[in-house]
Amino acid sequence: MMDSINTAYLFQCADEDLYAVSHDASGGNIPRSSCTQGWILCEQFELGPGSPVPAPILPGPILTGISRRGYYIWRGWSSGHDKRPAR
């Protein structure tokens, strides 16, 4: 349901500049083919249409990706958003 706020999890692909968000705390639904080294959990946060995201991505695309596939993956961390997730 795209209008509600749910717990989401931010992952990083090992030491790569590749990130994902899922509602699955284990990240088990995020394809391993995208990250052969394994997804590492970085942070838990509340995800909703107007909620802040701890990444340089607006909540809308994440919510759409999760609604369609169960996860959202992107590459690159914007230089204007310096705070990368702690691991």
PDB file of N, CA and C in Angstrom:
ATOM      1  N   MET A   1       0.851  -1.176   0.000  1.00  0.00           N
ATOM      2  CA  MET A   1       0.000   0.000   0.000  1.00  0.00           C
ATOM      3  C   MET A   1       0.896   1.239   0.000  1.00  0.00           C
ATOM      4  N   MET A   2       0.810   2.072  -0.998  1.00  0.00           N
ATOM      5  CA  MET A   2       1.742   3.176  -1.171  1.00  0.00           C
ATOM      6  C   MET A   2       1.443   4.381  -0.283  1.00  0.00           C
ATOM      7  N   ASP A   3       0.282   4.462   0.356  1.00  0.00           N
ATOM      8  CA  ASP A   3      -0.038   5.626   1.165  1.00  0.00           C
ATOM      9  C   ASP A   3       0.317   5.455   2.631  1.00  0.00           C
ATOM     10  N   SER A   4       0.747   4.286   3.040  1.00  0.00           N
ATOM     11  CA  SER A   4       1.060   4.070   4.445  1.00  0.00           C
ATOM     12  C   SER A   4       2.561   4.137   4.678  1.00  0.00           C
ATOM     13  N   ILE A   5       2.900   4.321   5.949  1.00  0.00           N
ATOM     14  CA  ILE A   5       4.303   4.348   6.334  1.00  0.00           C
ATOM     15  C   ILE A   5       4.666   2.976   6.870  1.00  0.00           C
ATOM     16  N   ASN A   6       5.748   2.413   6.374  1.00  0.00           N
ATOM     17  CA  ASN A   6       6.212   1.092   6.776  1.00  0.00           C
ATOM     18  C   ASN A   6       7.697   1.133   7.078  1.00  0.00           C
ATOM     19  N   THR A   7       8.136   0.167   7.850  1.00  0.00           N
ATOM     20  CA  THR A   7       9.558   0.034   8.115  1.00  0.00           C
ATOM     21  C   THR A   7      10.254  -0.457   6.857  1.00  0.00           C
ATOM     22  N   ALA A   8      11.364   0.182   6.534  1.00  0.00           N
ATOM     23  CA  ALA A   8      12.163  -0.201   5.369  1.00  0.00           C
ATOM     24  C   ALA A   8      13.611  -0.340   5.817  1.00  0.00           C
ATOM     25  N   TYR A   9      14.394  -0.998   4.979  1.00  0.00           N
ATOM     26  CA  TYR A   9      15.784  -1.282   5.305  1.00  0.00           C
ATOM     27  C   TYR A   9      16.670  -0.873   4.141  1.00  0.00           C
ATOM     28  N   LEU A  10      17.733  -0.133   4.463  1.00  0.00           N
ATOM     29  CA  LEU A  10      18.703   0.323   3.481  1.00  0.00           C
ATOM     30  C   LEU A  10      19.891  -0.637   3.495  1.00  0.00           C
ATOM     31  N   PHE A  11      20.273  -1.112   2.325  1.00  0.00           N
ATOM     32  CA  PHE A  11      21.393  -2.043   2.168  1.00  0.00           C
ATOM     33  C   PHE A  11      22.434  -1.441   1.240  1.00  0.00           C
ATOM     34  N   GLN A  12      23.677  -1.882   1.416  1.00  0.00           N
ATOM     35  CA  GLN A  12      24.745  -1.545   0.480  1.00  0.00           C
ATOM     36  C   GLN A  12      25.373  -2.844   0.006  1.00  0.00           C
ATOM     37  N   CYS A  13      25.776  -2.862  -1.250  1.00  0.00           N
ATOM     38  CA  CYS A  13      26.445  -4.022  -1.812  1.00  0.00           C
ATOM     39  C   CYS A  13      27.913  -3.987  -1.421  1.00  0.00           C
ATOM     40  N   ALA A  14      28.281  -4.802  -0.464  1.00  0.00           N
ATOM     41  CA  ALA A  14      29.666  -4.910   0.015  1.00  0.00           C
ATOM     42  C   ALA A  14      30.368  -3.562  -0.025  1.00  0.00           C
ATOM     43  N   ASP A  15      31.448  -3.437  -0.798  1.00  0.00           N
ATOM     44  CA  ASP A  15      32.188  -2.178  -0.869  1.00  0.00           C
ATOM     45  C   ASP A  15      31.876  -1.388  -2.130  1.00  0.00           C
ATOM     46  N   GLU A  16      30.795  -1.721  -2.809  1.00  0.00           N
ATOM     47  CA  GLU A  16      30.429  -1.025  -4.043  1.00  0.00           C
ATOM     48  C   GLU A  16      29.532   0.167  -3.752  1.00  0.00           C
ATOM     49  N   ASP A  17      29.395   1.023  -4.746  1.00  0.00           N
ATOM     50  CA  ASP A  17      28.524   2.187  -4.661  1.00  0.00           C
ATOM     51  C   ASP A  17      27.139   1.811  -5.202  1.00  0.00           C
ATOM     52  N   LEU A  18      26.605   0.703  -4.677  1.00  0.00           N
ATOM     53  CA  LEU A  18      25.326   0.150  -5.097  1.00  0.00           C
ATOM     54  C   LEU A  18      24.470  -0.034  -3.848  1.00  0.00           C
ATOM     55  N   TYR A  19      23.225   0.448  -3.892  1.00  0.00           N
ATOM     56  CA  TYR A  19      22.357   0.468  -2.721  1.00  0.00           C
ATOM     57  C   TYR A  19      20.994  -0.107  -3.057  1.00  0.00           C
ATOM     58  N   ALA A  20      20.285  -0.542  -2.017  1.00  0.00           N
ATOM     59  CA  ALA A  20      18.945  -1.093  -2.199  1.00  0.00           C
ATOM     60  C   ALA A  20      18.111  -0.805  -0.968  1.00  0.00           C
ATOM     61  N   VAL A  21      16.801  -0.762  -1.166  1.00  0.00           N
ATOM     62  CA  VAL A  21      15.844  -0.632  -0.072  1.00  0.00           C
ATOM     63  C   VAL A  21      14.808  -1.725  -0.238  1.00  0.00           C
ATOM     64  N   SER A  22      14.428  -2.315   0.885  1.00  0.00           N
ATOM     65  CA  SER A  22      13.428  -3.379   0.900  1.00  0.00           C
ATOM     66  C   SER A  22      12.681  -3.320   2.221  1.00  0.00           C
ATOM     67  N   HIS A  23      11.489  -3.915   2.254  1.00  0.00           N
ATOM     68  CA  HIS A  23      10.767  -4.064   3.518  1.00  0.00           C
ATOM     69  C   HIS A  23      11.223  -5.329   4.237  1.00  0.00           C
ATOM     70  N   ASP A  24      12.019  -6.139   3.592  1.00  0.00           N
ATOM     71  CA  ASP A  24      12.534  -7.388   4.165  1.00  0.00           C
ATOM     72  C   ASP A  24      13.847  -7.100   4.884  1.00  0.00           C
ATOM     73  N   ALA A  25      13.859  -7.259   6.201  1.00  0.00           N
ATOM     74  CA  ALA A  25      15.049  -6.948   7.001  1.00  0.00           C
ATOM     75  C   ALA A  25      16.246  -7.817   6.639  1.00  0.00           C
ATOM     76  N   SER A  26      15.997  -8.988   6.078  1.00  0.00           N
ATOM     77  CA  SER A  26      17.107  -9.865   5.698  1.00  0.00           C
ATOM     78  C   SER A  26      17.679  -9.498   4.324  1.00  0.00           C
ATOM     79  N   GLY A  27      16.907  -8.743   3.535  1.00  0.00           N
ATOM     80  CA  GLY A  27      17.331  -8.413   2.175  1.00  0.00           C
ATOM     81  C   GLY A  27      17.253  -9.602   1.245  1.00  0.00           C
ATOM     82  N   GLY A  28      16.609 -10.667   1.695  1.00  0.00           N
ATOM     83  CA  GLY A  28      16.529 -11.897   0.918  1.00  0.00           C
ATOM     84  C   GLY A  28      15.804 -11.769  -0.407  1.00  0.00           C
ATOM     85  N   ASN A  29      14.971 -10.746  -0.549  1.00  0.00           N
ATOM     86  CA  ASN A  29      14.240 -10.576  -1.805  1.00  0.00           C
ATOM     87  C   ASN A  29      14.982  -9.701  -2.813  1.00  0.00           C
ATOM     88  N   ILE A  30      16.135  -9.139  -2.418  1.00  0.00           N
ATOM     89  CA  ILE A  30      16.932  -8.323  -3.337  1.00  0.00           C
ATOM     90  C   ILE A  30      17.831  -9.273  -4.135  1.00  0.00           C
ATOM     91  N   PRO A  31      17.814  -9.189  -5.456  1.00  0.00           N
ATOM     92  CA  PRO A  31      18.571 -10.144  -6.277  1.00  0.00           C
ATOM     93  C   PRO A  31      20.062 -10.169  -5.965  1.00  0.00           C
ATOM     94  N   ARG A  32      20.575 -11.360  -5.753  1.00  0.00           N
ATOM     95  CA  ARG A  32      22.015 -11.534  -5.533  1.00  0.00           C
ATOM     96  C   ARG A  32      22.787 -11.322  -6.839  1.00  0.00           C
ATOM     97  N   SER A  33      22.115 -11.462  -7.970  1.00  0.00           N
ATOM     98  CA  SER A  33      22.789 -11.254  -9.254  1.00  0.00           C
ATOM     99  C   SER A  33      23.253  -9.804  -9.406  1.00  0.00           C
ATOM    100  N   SER A  34      22.599  -8.883  -8.704  1.00  0.00           N
ATOM    101  CA  SER A  34      23.000  -7.475  -8.728  1.00  0.00           C
ATOM    102  C   SER A  34      24.192  -7.214  -7.817  1.00  0.00           C
ATOM    103  N   CYS A  35      24.384  -8.102  -6.835  1.00  0.00           N
ATOM    104  CA  CYS A  35      25.435  -7.915  -5.835  1.00  0.00           C
ATOM    105  C   CYS A  35      25.959  -9.277  -5.409  1.00  0.00           C
ATOM    106  N   THR A  36      26.916  -9.792  -6.127  1.00  0.00           N
ATOM    107  CA  THR A  36      27.414 -11.137  -5.840  1.00  0.00           C
ATOM    108  C   THR A  36      28.160 -11.227  -4.512  1.00  0.00           C
ATOM    109  N   GLN A  37      28.673 -10.075  -3.996  1.00  0.00           N
ATOM    110  CA  GLN A  37      29.377 -10.088  -2.715  1.00  0.00           C
ATOM    111  C   GLN A  37      28.422 -10.152  -1.528  1.00  0.00           C
ATOM    112  N   GLY A  38      27.169  -9.841  -1.745  1.00  0.00           N
ATOM    113  CA  GLY A  38      26.163  -9.880  -0.681  1.00  0.00           C
ATOM    114  C   GLY A  38      25.756  -8.493  -0.209  1.00  0.00           C
ATOM    115  N   TRP A  39      24.483  -8.354   0.081  1.00  0.00           N
ATOM    116  CA  TRP A  39      23.913  -7.099   0.560  1.00  0.00           C
ATOM    117  C   TRP A  39      24.153  -6.973   2.057  1.00  0.00           C
ATOM    118  N   ILE A  40      24.604  -5.793   2.496  1.00  0.00           N
ATOM    119  CA  ILE A  40      24.890  -5.531   3.902  1.00  0.00           C
ATOM    120  C   ILE A  40      23.877  -4.521   4.429  1.00  0.00           C
ATOM    121  N   LEU A  41      23.190  -4.864   5.501  1.00  0.00           N
ATOM    122  CA  LEU A  41      22.209  -3.972   6.115  1.00  0.00           C
ATOM    123  C   LEU A  41      22.922  -2.768   6.713  1.00  0.00           C
ATOM    124  N   CYS A  42      22.452  -1.580   6.349  1.00  0.00           N
ATOM    125  CA  CYS A  42      23.052  -0.338   6.852  1.00  0.00           C
ATOM    126  C   CYS A  42      22.158   0.360   7.867  1.00  0.00           C
ATOM    127  N   GLU A  43      20.861   0.390   7.587  1.00  0.00           N
ATOM    128  CA  GLU A  43      19.986   1.225   8.400  1.00  0.00           C
ATOM    129  C   GLU A  43      18.529   0.824   8.245  1.00  0.00           C
ATOM    130  N   GLN A  44      17.791   0.957   9.323  1.00  0.00           N
ATOM    131  CA  GLN A  44      16.339   0.779   9.334  1.00  0.00           C
ATOM    132  C   GLN A  44      15.719   2.167   9.392  1.00  0.00           C
ATOM    133  N   PHE A  45      14.639   2.397   8.644  1.00  0.00           N
ATOM    134  CA  PHE A  45      13.975   3.698   8.665  1.00  0.00           C
ATOM    135  C   PHE A  45      12.509   3.532   8.304  1.00  0.00           C
ATOM    136  N   GLU A  46      11.731   4.578   8.547  1.00  0.00           N
ATOM    137  CA  GLU A  46      10.314   4.573   8.209  1.00  0.00           C
ATOM    138  C   GLU A  46      10.159   5.163   6.807  1.00  0.00           C
ATOM    139  N   LEU A  47       9.479   4.427   5.937  1.00  0.00           N
ATOM    140  CA  LEU A  47       9.326   4.826   4.541  1.00  0.00           C
ATOM    141  C   LEU A  47       7.863   5.120   4.252  1.00  0.00           C
ATOM    142  N   GLY A  48       7.608   6.309   3.769  1.00  0.00           N
ATOM    143  CA  GLY A  48       6.274   6.725   3.369  1.00  0.00           C
ATOM    144  C   GLY A  48       6.404   7.842   2.355  1.00  0.00           C
ATOM    145  N   PRO A  49       5.292   8.264   1.741  1.00  0.00           N
ATOM    146  CA  PRO A  49       5.340   9.280   0.687  1.00  0.00           C
ATOM    147  C   PRO A  49       6.014  10.589   1.091  1.00  0.00           C
ATOM    148  N   GLY A  50       5.863  11.024   2.327  1.00  0.00           N
ATOM    149  CA  GLY A  50       6.469  12.282   2.758  1.00  0.00           C
ATOM    150  C   GLY A  50       7.594  12.102   3.753  1.00  0.00           C
ATOM    151  N   SER A  51       8.016  10.878   3.959  1.00  0.00           N
ATOM    152  CA  SER A  51       9.053  10.589   4.955  1.00  0.00           C
ATOM    153  C   SER A  51      10.437  10.865   4.407  1.00  0.00           C
ATOM    154  N   PRO A  52      11.347  11.349   5.266  1.00  0.00           N
ATOM    155  CA  PRO A  52      12.726  11.524   4.808  1.00  0.00           C
ATOM    156  C   PRO A  52      13.392  10.163   4.609  1.00  0.00           C
ATOM    157  N   VAL A  53      14.226  10.083   3.609  1.00  0.00           N
ATOM    158  CA  VAL A  53      14.946   8.846   3.300  1.00  0.00           C
ATOM    159  C   VAL A  53      16.418   9.084   3.626  1.00  0.00           C
ATOM    160  N   PRO A  54      17.087   8.132   4.291  1.00  0.00           N
ATOM    161  CA  PRO A  54      18.498   8.323   4.643  1.00  0.00           C
ATOM    162  C   PRO A  54      19.435   8.080   3.458  1.00  0.00           C
ATOM    163  N   ALA A  55      19.038   8.568   2.297  1.00  0.00           N
ATOM    164  CA  ALA A  55      19.807   8.391   1.064  1.00  0.00           C
ATOM    165  C   ALA A  55      19.398   9.503   0.102  1.00  0.00           C
ATOM    166  N   PRO A  56      20.182   9.741  -0.938  1.00  0.00           N
ATOM    167  CA  PRO A  56      19.869  10.814  -1.887  1.00  0.00           C
ATOM    168  C   PRO A  56      18.833  10.403  -2.931  1.00  0.00           C
ATOM    169  N   ILE A  57      17.783   9.740  -2.480  1.00  0.00           N
ATOM    170  CA  ILE A  57      16.714   9.272  -3.360  1.00  0.00           C
ATOM    171  C   ILE A  57      15.389   9.728  -2.754  1.00  0.00           C
ATOM    172  N   LEU A  58      14.483  10.221  -3.580  1.00  0.00           N
ATOM    173  CA  LEU A  58      13.160  10.602  -3.092  1.00  0.00           C
ATOM    174  C   LEU A  58      12.365   9.339  -2.754  1.00  0.00           C
ATOM    175  N   PRO A  59      11.412   9.442  -1.823  1.00  0.00           N
ATOM    176  CA  PRO A  59      10.646   8.249  -1.447  1.00  0.00           C
ATOM    177  C   PRO A  59       9.776   7.686  -2.575  1.00  0.00           C
ATOM    178  N   GLY A  60       9.311   8.534  -3.493  1.00  0.00           N
ATOM    179  CA  GLY A  60       8.419   8.077  -4.561  1.00  0.00           C
ATOM    180  C   GLY A  60       8.970   6.926  -5.394  1.00  0.00           C
ATOM    181  N   PRO A  61      10.163   7.059  -5.971  1.00  0.00           N
ATOM    182  CA  PRO A  61      10.715   5.960  -6.767  1.00  0.00           C
ATOM    183  C   PRO A  61      10.944   4.686  -5.940  1.00  0.00           C
ATOM    184  N   ILE A  62      11.339   4.858  -4.686  1.00  0.00           N
ATOM    185  CA  ILE A  62      11.535   3.686  -3.825  1.00  0.00           C
ATOM    186  C   ILE A  62      10.206   2.972  -3.610  1.00  0.00           C
ATOM    187  N   LEU A  63       9.170   3.737  -3.288  1.00  0.00           N
ATOM    188  CA  LEU A  63       7.848   3.137  -3.061  1.00  0.00           C
ATOM    189  C   LEU A  63       7.324   2.441  -4.316  1.00  0.00           C
ATOM    190  N   THR A  64       7.550   3.055  -5.477  1.00  0.00           N
ATOM    191  CA  THR A  64       7.121   2.432  -6.739  1.00  0.00           C
ATOM    192  C   THR A  64       7.882   1.135  -6.981  1.00  0.00           C
ATOM    193  N   GLY A  65       9.199   1.159  -6.789  1.00  0.00           N
ATOM    194  CA  GLY A  65      10.011  -0.043  -6.984  1.00  0.00           C
ATOM    195  C   GLY A  65       9.604  -1.161  -6.044  1.00  0.00           C
ATOM    196  N   ILE A  66       9.374  -0.829  -4.784  1.00  0.00           N
ATOM    197  CA  ILE A  66       8.963  -1.841  -3.809  1.00  0.00           C
ATOM    198  C   ILE A  66       7.591  -2.388  -4.162  1.00  0.00           C
ATOM    199  N   SER A  67       6.698  -1.515  -4.610  1.00  0.00           N
ATOM    200  CA  SER A  67       5.360  -1.962  -5.003  1.00  0.00           C
ATOM    201  C   SER A  67       5.409  -2.922  -6.195  1.00  0.00           C
ATOM    202  N   ARG A  68       6.296  -2.657  -7.148  1.00  0.00           N
ATOM    203  CA  ARG A  68       6.382  -3.472  -8.368  1.00  0.00           C
ATOM    204  C   ARG A  68       7.218  -4.739  -8.204  1.00  0.00           C
ATOM    205  N   ARG A  69       8.359  -4.617  -7.474  1.00  0.00           N
ATOM    206  CA  ARG A  69       9.301  -5.734  -7.403  1.00  0.00           C
ATOM    207  C   ARG A  69       9.606  -6.217  -5.993  1.00  0.00           C
ATOM    208  N   GLY A  70       9.252  -5.402  -5.001  1.00  0.00           N
ATOM    209  CA  GLY A  70       9.554  -5.762  -3.622  1.00  0.00           C
ATOM    210  C   GLY A  70      10.852  -5.149  -3.118  1.00  0.00           C
ATOM    211  N   TYR A  71      11.555  -4.407  -3.977  1.00  0.00           N
ATOM    212  CA  TYR A  71      12.817  -3.761  -3.613  1.00  0.00           C
ATOM    213  C   TYR A  71      13.080  -2.626  -4.591  1.00  0.00           C
ATOM    214  N   TYR A  72      14.059  -1.780  -4.254  1.00  0.00           N
ATOM    215  CA  TYR A  72      14.502  -0.711  -5.146  1.00  0.00           C
ATOM    216  C   TYR A  72      16.023  -0.668  -5.077  1.00  0.00           C
ATOM    217  N   ILE A  73      16.678  -0.662  -6.220  1.00  0.00           N
ATOM    218  CA  ILE A  73      18.147  -0.648  -6.305  1.00  0.00           C
ATOM    219  C   ILE A  73      18.580   0.572  -7.100  1.00  0.00           C
ATOM    220  N   TRP A  74      19.674   1.212  -6.660  1.00  0.00           N
ATOM    221  CA  TRP A  74      20.271   2.291  -7.430  1.00  0.00           C
ATOM    222  C   TRP A  74      21.781   2.302  -7.225  1.00  0.00           C
ATOM    223  N   ARG A  75      22.463   2.922  -8.153  1.00  0.00           N
ATOM    224  CA  ARG A  75      23.925   3.030  -8.098  1.00  0.00           C
ATOM    225  C   ARG A  75      24.280   4.502  -7.942  1.00  0.00           C
ATOM    226  N   GLY A  76      25.246   4.766  -7.061  1.00  0.00           N
ATOM    227  CA  GLY A  76      25.765   6.119  -6.888  1.00  0.00           C
ATOM    228  C   GLY A  76      25.144   6.857  -5.725  1.00  0.00           C
ATOM    229  N   TRP A  77      25.987   7.555  -5.017  1.00  0.00           N
ATOM    230  CA  TRP A  77      25.560   8.374  -3.887  1.00  0.00           C
ATOM    231  C   TRP A  77      25.860   9.805  -4.256  1.00  0.00           C
ATOM    232  N   SER A  78      24.847  10.626  -4.346  1.00  0.00           N
ATOM    233  CA  SER A  78      24.997  12.014  -4.774  1.00  0.00           C
ATOM    234  C   SER A  78      26.031  12.750  -3.932  1.00  0.00           C
ATOM    235  N   SER A  79      26.885  13.510  -4.582  1.00  0.00           N
ATOM    236  CA  SER A  79      27.910  14.259  -3.854  1.00  0.00           C
ATOM    237  C   SER A  79      27.295  15.338  -2.973  1.00  0.00           C
ATOM    238  N   GLY A  80      26.077  15.752  -3.264  1.00  0.00           N
ATOM    239  CA  GLY A  80      25.404  16.747  -2.438  1.00  0.00           C
ATOM    240  C   GLY A  80      24.828  16.161  -1.162  1.00  0.00           C
ATOM    241  N   HIS A  81      24.860  14.865  -1.050  1.00  0.00           N
ATOM    242  CA  HIS A  81      24.326  14.168   0.116  1.00  0.00           C
ATOM    243  C   HIS A  81      25.464  13.348   0.687  1.00  0.00           C
ATOM    244  N   ASP A  82      26.314  13.989   1.485  1.00  0.00           N
ATOM    245  CA  ASP A  82      27.564  13.390   1.925  1.00  0.00           C
ATOM    246  C   ASP A  82      27.434  12.264   2.937  1.00  0.00           C
ATOM    247  N   LYS A  83      26.357  12.235   3.696  1.00  0.00           N
ATOM    248  CA  LYS A  83      26.255  11.242   4.763  1.00  0.00           C
ATOM    249  C   LYS A  83      25.882   9.880   4.184  1.00  0.00           C
ATOM    250  N   ARG A  84      26.876   9.053   4.013  1.00  0.00           N
ATOM    251  CA  ARG A  84      26.635   7.688   3.541  1.00  0.00           C
ATOM    252  C   ARG A  84      26.292   6.824   4.742  1.00  0.00           C
ATOM    253  N   PRO A  85      25.602   5.710   4.511  1.00  0.00           N
ATOM    254  CA  PRO A  85      25.198   4.875   5.641  1.00  0.00           C
ATOM    255  C   PRO A  85      26.402   4.240   6.344  1.00  0.00           C
ATOM    256  N   ALA A  86      26.283   4.133   7.648  1.00  0.00           N
ATOM    257  CA  ALA A  86      27.312   3.436   8.426  1.00  0.00           C
ATOM    258  C   ALA A  86      27.057   1.943   8.300  1.00  0.00           C
ATOM    259  N   ARG A  87      28.127   1.165   8.323  1.00  0.00           N
ATOM    260  CA  ARG A  87      27.950  -0.294   8.259  1.00  0.00           C
ATOM    261  C   ARG A  87      28.661  -0.927   9.405  1.00  0.00           C
TER     262      ARG A  87
END
